[in-house]
C-alpha cells in the first residue's frame, strides 16, 4: 500500500543508543498527536487480548549530524511543514512543561537539535530529507 503522506524522523547520530530511542519515541508521539488520522485501530490477538493502536503507516528514520538537522528544519519550515522537535536541553528536564520551557528559552538558530519529525506529502518529505541516509 502506498500512502499519500510520509512520516520521517531525523535523529542525531552522535547520541547514546537510549537517547536515540527516547527521542524517536517522543517524536513519533508528536506525529500521532498532531495527525490522529494516521493512527490505526486497536489490535486484538487470537485469545481476545486487546492492544493499543499504532501509527498505521511506515515511519522512515534518518541519521544526521547537527548541521544536517538544522538544514532539515529549515527545509521543512520553508515548505510550511510544522515539525516535532527534540533538543539536547530536553534530556535534562523531567516533564512536558519543562520541555516546552527549554525550547522556548532558545532562539531557533541556537536550538541544539537532536531530533525532528515531519509528516507531509511524499514529495515534500523527500525534499526535506534529501541527502540524508537511513539511520543504521
N, C-alpha and C. Protein backbone atom coordinates (compact mmCIF):
# COMPACT_ATOMS: atom_id res chain seq x y z
N UNK A 1 0.84 -1.18 0.00
CA UNK A 1 0.00 0.00 0.00
C UNK A 1 0.88 1.24 0.00
N UNK A 2 0.61 2.18 -0.87
CA UNK A 2 1.36 3.43 -0.91
C UNK A 2 0.49 4.53 -0.31
N UNK A 3 1.07 5.29 0.60
CA UNK A 3 0.38 6.37 1.27
C UNK A 3 0.65 7.68 0.55
N UNK A 4 -0.28 8.62 0.64
CA UNK A 4 -0.09 9.95 0.06
C UNK A 4 0.92 10.76 0.86
N UNK A 5 1.08 10.40 2.14
CA UNK A 5 2.00 11.12 3.01
C UNK A 5 3.14 10.21 3.43
N UNK A 6 4.19 10.84 3.97
CA UNK A 6 5.32 10.12 4.56
C UNK A 6 5.55 10.69 5.94
N UNK A 7 6.03 9.84 6.81
CA UNK A 7 6.49 10.26 8.12
C UNK A 7 7.99 10.01 8.15
N UNK A 8 8.75 11.05 8.50
CA UNK A 8 10.20 10.93 8.60
C UNK A 8 10.64 11.46 9.95
N UNK A 9 11.50 10.70 10.60
CA UNK A 9 12.13 11.14 11.84
C UNK A 9 13.62 11.21 11.57
N UNK A 10 14.22 12.33 11.96
CA UNK A 10 15.66 12.54 11.77
C UNK A 10 16.28 12.66 13.16
N UNK A 11 17.26 11.79 13.45
CA UNK A 11 17.88 11.72 14.76
C UNK A 11 19.38 11.94 14.63
N UNK A 12 19.92 12.73 15.56
CA UNK A 12 21.36 13.00 15.55
C UNK A 12 22.12 11.71 15.83
N UNK A 13 23.12 11.45 15.02
CA UNK A 13 23.82 10.17 15.05
C UNK A 13 24.80 10.02 16.21
N UNK A 14 25.19 11.10 16.86
CA UNK A 14 26.20 11.00 17.92
C UNK A 14 25.60 10.80 19.31
N UNK A 15 24.33 10.48 19.40
CA UNK A 15 23.67 10.26 20.69
C UNK A 15 23.92 8.84 21.18
N UNK A 16 23.75 8.64 22.49
CA UNK A 16 23.76 7.29 23.06
C UNK A 16 22.54 6.53 22.52
N UNK A 17 22.62 5.23 22.50
CA UNK A 17 21.52 4.41 21.97
C UNK A 17 20.21 4.71 22.69
N UNK A 18 20.23 4.81 24.03
CA UNK A 18 18.99 5.07 24.78
C UNK A 18 18.42 6.43 24.40
N UNK A 19 19.28 7.41 24.13
CA UNK A 19 18.81 8.73 23.74
C UNK A 19 18.13 8.70 22.38
N UNK A 20 18.71 7.97 21.43
CA UNK A 20 18.11 7.85 20.10
C UNK A 20 16.72 7.24 20.19
N UNK A 21 16.59 6.19 20.99
CA UNK A 21 15.28 5.54 21.14
C UNK A 21 14.29 6.47 21.83
N UNK A 22 14.74 7.17 22.85
CA UNK A 22 13.89 8.11 23.58
C UNK A 22 13.39 9.21 22.67
N UNK A 23 14.31 9.82 21.93
CA UNK A 23 13.96 10.91 21.01
C UNK A 23 12.98 10.41 19.96
N UNK A 24 13.25 9.27 19.36
CA UNK A 24 12.38 8.72 18.33
C UNK A 24 10.98 8.47 18.85
N UNK A 25 10.87 7.92 20.05
CA UNK A 25 9.54 7.64 20.59
C UNK A 25 8.77 8.92 20.89
N UNK A 26 9.44 9.92 21.46
CA UNK A 26 8.76 11.18 21.73
C UNK A 26 8.30 11.85 20.42
N UNK A 27 9.16 11.85 19.41
CA UNK A 27 8.81 12.48 18.14
C UNK A 27 7.66 11.75 17.45
N UNK A 28 7.65 10.42 17.49
CA UNK A 28 6.53 9.67 16.91
C UNK A 28 5.23 10.01 17.63
N UNK A 29 5.31 10.20 18.94
CA UNK A 29 4.14 10.61 19.70
C UNK A 29 3.63 11.97 19.26
N UNK A 30 4.55 12.87 18.92
CA UNK A 30 4.15 14.18 18.41
C UNK A 30 3.40 14.08 17.10
N UNK A 31 3.86 13.21 16.23
CA UNK A 31 3.17 12.99 14.95
C UNK A 31 1.77 12.43 15.20
N UNK A 32 1.68 11.42 16.08
CA UNK A 32 0.37 10.81 16.38
C UNK A 32 -0.59 11.83 16.98
N UNK A 33 -0.09 12.71 17.82
CA UNK A 33 -0.95 13.73 18.44
C UNK A 33 -1.43 14.76 17.42
N UNK A 34 -0.54 15.15 16.52
CA UNK A 34 -0.89 16.18 15.54
C UNK A 34 -1.73 15.64 14.39
N UNK A 35 -1.59 14.36 14.11
CA UNK A 35 -2.28 13.74 12.98
C UNK A 35 -3.00 12.47 13.43
N UNK A 36 -4.07 12.61 14.21
CA UNK A 36 -4.74 11.41 14.72
C UNK A 36 -5.25 10.49 13.61
N UNK A 37 -5.44 11.02 12.43
CA UNK A 37 -5.90 10.18 11.32
C UNK A 37 -4.85 9.16 10.88
N UNK A 38 -3.60 9.34 11.30
CA UNK A 38 -2.57 8.36 10.92
C UNK A 38 -2.51 7.19 11.90
N UNK A 39 -3.30 7.26 12.97
CA UNK A 39 -3.33 6.17 13.94
C UNK A 39 -4.41 5.17 13.53
N UNK A 40 -4.03 3.90 13.52
CA UNK A 40 -4.95 2.84 13.11
C UNK A 40 -5.90 2.44 14.23
N UNK A 41 -6.50 1.30 14.05
CA UNK A 41 -7.45 0.75 15.02
C UNK A 41 -6.71 -0.10 16.06
N UNK A 42 -7.35 -0.32 17.21
CA UNK A 42 -6.72 -1.19 18.22
C UNK A 42 -6.51 -2.61 17.67
N UNK A 43 -5.56 -3.31 18.28
CA UNK A 43 -5.24 -4.68 17.92
C UNK A 43 -5.91 -5.64 18.90
N UNK A 44 -6.08 -6.86 18.43
CA UNK A 44 -6.58 -7.93 19.28
C UNK A 44 -5.97 -9.24 18.80
N UNK A 45 -5.46 -10.03 19.73
CA UNK A 45 -4.88 -11.31 19.31
C UNK A 45 -5.95 -12.40 19.30
N UNK A 46 -5.53 -13.61 18.93
CA UNK A 46 -6.46 -14.73 18.82
C UNK A 46 -7.06 -15.17 20.14
N UNK A 47 -6.51 -14.69 21.25
CA UNK A 47 -7.05 -15.00 22.58
C UNK A 47 -7.95 -13.89 23.10
N UNK A 48 -8.27 -12.94 22.26
CA UNK A 48 -9.13 -11.79 22.58
C UNK A 48 -8.45 -10.80 23.53
N UNK A 49 -7.12 -10.82 23.63
CA UNK A 49 -6.38 -9.82 24.40
C UNK A 49 -6.31 -8.55 23.58
N UNK A 50 -6.67 -7.44 24.17
CA UNK A 50 -6.71 -6.15 23.47
C UNK A 50 -5.35 -5.44 23.59
N UNK A 51 -5.00 -4.69 22.52
CA UNK A 51 -3.76 -3.92 22.47
C UNK A 51 -4.07 -2.54 21.91
N UNK A 52 -3.23 -1.59 22.22
CA UNK A 52 -3.42 -0.22 21.74
C UNK A 52 -3.18 -0.11 20.24
N UNK A 53 -3.77 0.90 19.61
CA UNK A 53 -3.49 1.14 18.19
C UNK A 53 -2.08 1.70 18.00
N UNK A 54 -1.60 1.58 16.78
CA UNK A 54 -0.29 2.11 16.40
C UNK A 54 -0.46 3.08 15.24
N UNK A 55 0.57 3.84 14.97
CA UNK A 55 0.57 4.63 13.74
C UNK A 55 0.48 3.64 12.59
N UNK A 56 -0.43 3.89 11.66
CA UNK A 56 -0.76 2.92 10.63
C UNK A 56 0.01 3.03 9.33
N UNK A 57 1.12 3.75 9.33
CA UNK A 57 1.94 3.82 8.11
C UNK A 57 3.40 3.77 8.52
N UNK A 58 4.27 3.37 7.59
CA UNK A 58 5.70 3.29 7.92
C UNK A 58 6.27 4.64 8.36
N UNK A 59 7.24 4.56 9.25
CA UNK A 59 7.99 5.75 9.68
C UNK A 59 9.42 5.52 9.25
N UNK A 60 9.95 6.43 8.47
CA UNK A 60 11.33 6.33 7.99
C UNK A 60 12.23 7.08 8.97
N UNK A 61 13.31 6.42 9.41
CA UNK A 61 14.22 7.01 10.40
C UNK A 61 15.55 7.31 9.71
N UNK A 62 15.96 8.57 9.78
CA UNK A 62 17.20 9.03 9.17
C UNK A 62 18.18 9.46 10.26
N UNK A 63 19.46 9.34 9.97
CA UNK A 63 20.51 9.84 10.84
C UNK A 63 21.06 11.14 10.29
N UNK A 64 21.52 12.02 11.18
CA UNK A 64 22.05 13.31 10.74
C UNK A 64 22.99 13.86 11.80
N UNK A 65 23.89 14.73 11.36
CA UNK A 65 24.69 15.50 12.31
C UNK A 65 23.95 16.80 12.60
N UNK A 66 24.53 17.66 13.43
CA UNK A 66 23.85 18.91 13.81
C UNK A 66 23.52 19.79 12.62
N UNK A 67 24.46 19.91 11.70
CA UNK A 67 24.24 20.77 10.54
C UNK A 67 23.10 20.24 9.67
N UNK A 68 23.06 18.94 9.47
CA UNK A 68 22.00 18.35 8.65
C UNK A 68 20.63 18.47 9.32
N UNK A 69 20.60 18.37 10.65
CA UNK A 69 19.33 18.58 11.37
C UNK A 69 18.84 20.01 11.16
N UNK A 70 19.73 20.97 11.29
CA UNK A 70 19.34 22.37 11.07
C UNK A 70 18.86 22.59 9.65
N UNK A 71 19.53 21.97 8.70
CA UNK A 71 19.13 22.09 7.30
C UNK A 71 17.75 21.48 7.08
N UNK A 72 17.49 20.33 7.68
CA UNK A 72 16.17 19.70 7.55
C UNK A 72 15.09 20.58 8.18
N UNK A 73 15.39 21.18 9.33
CA UNK A 73 14.43 22.08 9.96
C UNK A 73 14.10 23.25 9.03
N UNK A 74 15.12 23.87 8.49
CA UNK A 74 14.91 25.00 7.58
C UNK A 74 14.11 24.57 6.35
N UNK A 75 14.44 23.42 5.79
CA UNK A 75 13.72 22.92 4.61
C UNK A 75 12.25 22.67 4.93
N UNK A 76 12.00 22.07 6.08
CA UNK A 76 10.62 21.81 6.47
C UNK A 76 9.83 23.09 6.67
N UNK A 77 10.39 24.01 7.43
CA UNK A 77 9.69 25.26 7.70
C UNK A 77 9.46 26.07 6.42
N UNK A 78 10.43 26.05 5.50
CA UNK A 78 10.26 26.79 4.25
C UNK A 78 9.17 26.18 3.37
N UNK A 79 8.79 24.95 3.67
CA UNK A 79 7.72 24.27 2.92
C UNK A 79 6.42 24.19 3.74
N UNK A 80 6.36 25.03 4.77
CA UNK A 80 5.17 25.11 5.64
C UNK A 80 4.83 23.79 6.32
N UNK A 81 5.85 23.01 6.66
CA UNK A 81 5.67 21.77 7.41
C UNK A 81 6.10 22.03 8.85
N UNK A 82 5.18 21.87 9.78
CA UNK A 82 5.49 22.07 11.19
C UNK A 82 6.05 20.76 11.75
N UNK A 83 7.30 20.80 12.23
CA UNK A 83 7.90 19.57 12.74
C UNK A 83 7.64 19.37 14.23
N UNK A 84 7.81 18.14 14.68
CA UNK A 84 8.01 17.88 16.11
C UNK A 84 9.51 18.07 16.35
N UNK A 85 9.86 18.61 17.50
CA UNK A 85 11.26 18.93 17.77
C UNK A 85 11.69 18.35 19.11
N UNK A 86 12.95 17.94 19.18
CA UNK A 86 13.55 17.49 20.44
C UNK A 86 14.94 18.10 20.48
N UNK A 87 15.25 18.77 21.60
CA UNK A 87 16.56 19.41 21.76
C UNK A 87 17.35 18.72 22.86
N UNK A 88 18.65 18.93 22.85
CA UNK A 88 19.51 18.31 23.86
C UNK A 88 19.13 18.76 25.27
N UNK A 89 18.69 20.01 25.40
CA UNK A 89 18.28 20.51 26.71
C UNK A 89 17.14 19.69 27.32
N UNK A 90 16.33 19.07 26.49
CA UNK A 90 15.19 18.31 26.98
C UNK A 90 15.62 17.03 27.71
N UNK A 91 16.86 16.57 27.53
CA UNK A 91 17.35 15.42 28.27
C UNK A 91 17.50 15.74 29.76
N UNK A 92 17.59 17.02 30.10
CA UNK A 92 17.80 17.42 31.48
C UNK A 92 16.50 17.83 32.19
N UNK A 93 15.37 17.70 31.53
CA UNK A 93 14.09 18.05 32.14
C UNK A 93 13.37 16.78 32.57
N UNK A 94 12.30 16.97 33.34
CA UNK A 94 11.62 15.80 33.86
C UNK A 94 10.14 15.74 33.51
N UNK A 95 9.63 16.75 32.77
CA UNK A 95 8.21 16.72 32.42
C UNK A 95 7.96 17.64 31.23
N UNK A 96 6.77 17.50 30.65
CA UNK A 96 6.42 18.18 29.40
C UNK A 96 6.49 19.70 29.50
N UNK A 97 6.00 20.26 30.59
CA UNK A 97 6.05 21.73 30.73
C UNK A 97 7.48 22.24 30.73
N UNK A 98 8.37 21.51 31.41
CA UNK A 98 9.79 21.90 31.43
C UNK A 98 10.42 21.74 30.05
N UNK A 99 9.99 20.72 29.30
CA UNK A 99 10.48 20.55 27.92
C UNK A 99 10.13 21.76 27.07
N UNK A 100 8.87 22.18 27.14
CA UNK A 100 8.44 23.34 26.36
C UNK A 100 9.20 24.60 26.78
N UNK A 101 9.45 24.77 28.07
CA UNK A 101 10.20 25.93 28.56
C UNK A 101 11.64 25.90 28.04
N UNK A 102 12.24 24.71 27.98
CA UNK A 102 13.61 24.59 27.48
C UNK A 102 13.70 25.00 26.03
N UNK A 103 12.72 24.63 25.22
CA UNK A 103 12.72 25.02 23.81
C UNK A 103 12.45 26.52 23.68
N UNK A 104 11.51 27.03 24.45
CA UNK A 104 11.12 28.44 24.39
C UNK A 104 12.28 29.37 24.76
N UNK A 105 13.19 28.90 25.61
CA UNK A 105 14.29 29.73 26.12
C UNK A 105 15.38 29.99 25.08
N UNK A 106 15.31 29.34 23.91
CA UNK A 106 16.38 29.41 22.92
C UNK A 106 15.81 29.82 21.57
N UNK A 107 16.49 30.74 20.89
CA UNK A 107 16.09 31.12 19.53
C UNK A 107 16.30 29.95 18.58
N UNK A 108 15.53 29.93 17.49
CA UNK A 108 15.59 28.81 16.55
C UNK A 108 17.01 28.54 16.06
N UNK A 109 17.76 29.56 15.72
CA UNK A 109 19.12 29.36 15.19
C UNK A 109 20.06 28.74 16.22
N UNK A 110 19.73 28.85 17.49
CA UNK A 110 20.59 28.33 18.56
C UNK A 110 20.07 27.04 19.19
N UNK A 111 18.98 26.49 18.67
CA UNK A 111 18.48 25.22 19.21
C UNK A 111 19.53 24.13 19.02
N UNK A 112 19.79 23.39 20.07
CA UNK A 112 20.72 22.26 19.99
C UNK A 112 19.89 21.02 19.64
N UNK A 113 19.57 20.90 18.37
CA UNK A 113 18.66 19.85 17.89
C UNK A 113 19.28 18.47 18.03
N UNK A 114 18.44 17.52 18.48
CA UNK A 114 18.84 16.12 18.46
C UNK A 114 17.85 15.28 17.66
N UNK A 115 16.66 15.84 17.36
CA UNK A 115 15.70 15.10 16.57
C UNK A 115 14.56 15.96 16.06
N UNK A 116 14.05 15.56 14.91
CA UNK A 116 12.91 16.21 14.27
C UNK A 116 12.02 15.13 13.68
N UNK A 117 10.73 15.42 13.61
CA UNK A 117 9.81 14.51 12.92
C UNK A 117 8.91 15.35 12.02
N UNK A 118 8.62 14.82 10.85
CA UNK A 118 7.80 15.50 9.86
C UNK A 118 6.76 14.53 9.31
N UNK A 119 5.58 15.05 9.00
CA UNK A 119 4.59 14.29 8.22
C UNK A 119 4.03 15.25 7.19
N UNK A 120 4.13 14.87 5.94
CA UNK A 120 3.66 15.72 4.84
C UNK A 120 3.52 14.84 3.60
N UNK A 121 3.15 15.47 2.50
CA UNK A 121 3.08 14.76 1.23
C UNK A 121 4.44 14.13 0.93
N UNK A 122 4.40 13.00 0.27
CA UNK A 122 5.62 12.22 -0.01
C UNK A 122 6.73 13.06 -0.64
N UNK A 123 6.40 13.81 -1.68
CA UNK A 123 7.42 14.59 -2.39
C UNK A 123 8.01 15.69 -1.52
N UNK A 124 7.20 16.25 -0.63
CA UNK A 124 7.68 17.29 0.28
C UNK A 124 8.69 16.69 1.26
N UNK A 125 8.34 15.55 1.83
CA UNK A 125 9.27 14.88 2.76
C UNK A 125 10.57 14.54 2.04
N UNK A 126 10.48 14.05 0.81
CA UNK A 126 11.68 13.72 0.05
C UNK A 126 12.61 14.93 -0.08
N UNK A 127 12.04 16.12 -0.25
CA UNK A 127 12.87 17.33 -0.36
C UNK A 127 13.46 17.73 0.99
N UNK A 128 12.71 17.52 2.05
CA UNK A 128 13.20 17.88 3.39
C UNK A 128 14.38 17.00 3.79
N UNK A 129 14.31 15.70 3.50
CA UNK A 129 15.36 14.77 3.93
C UNK A 129 16.38 14.46 2.83
N UNK A 130 16.32 15.19 1.73
CA UNK A 130 17.24 14.96 0.63
C UNK A 130 18.69 14.96 1.12
N UNK A 131 19.43 13.94 0.74
CA UNK A 131 20.83 13.83 1.12
C UNK A 131 21.07 13.07 2.42
N UNK A 132 20.03 12.81 3.19
CA UNK A 132 20.19 12.07 4.44
C UNK A 132 20.13 10.57 4.16
N UNK A 133 20.81 9.81 5.00
CA UNK A 133 20.82 8.35 4.90
C UNK A 133 19.93 7.78 6.00
N UNK A 134 19.35 6.60 5.73
CA UNK A 134 18.60 5.92 6.77
C UNK A 134 19.52 5.65 7.96
N UNK A 135 18.94 5.79 9.15
CA UNK A 135 19.72 5.54 10.36
C UNK A 135 20.11 4.07 10.42
N UNK A 136 21.32 3.80 10.87
CA UNK A 136 21.75 2.40 10.97
C UNK A 136 22.24 2.10 12.38
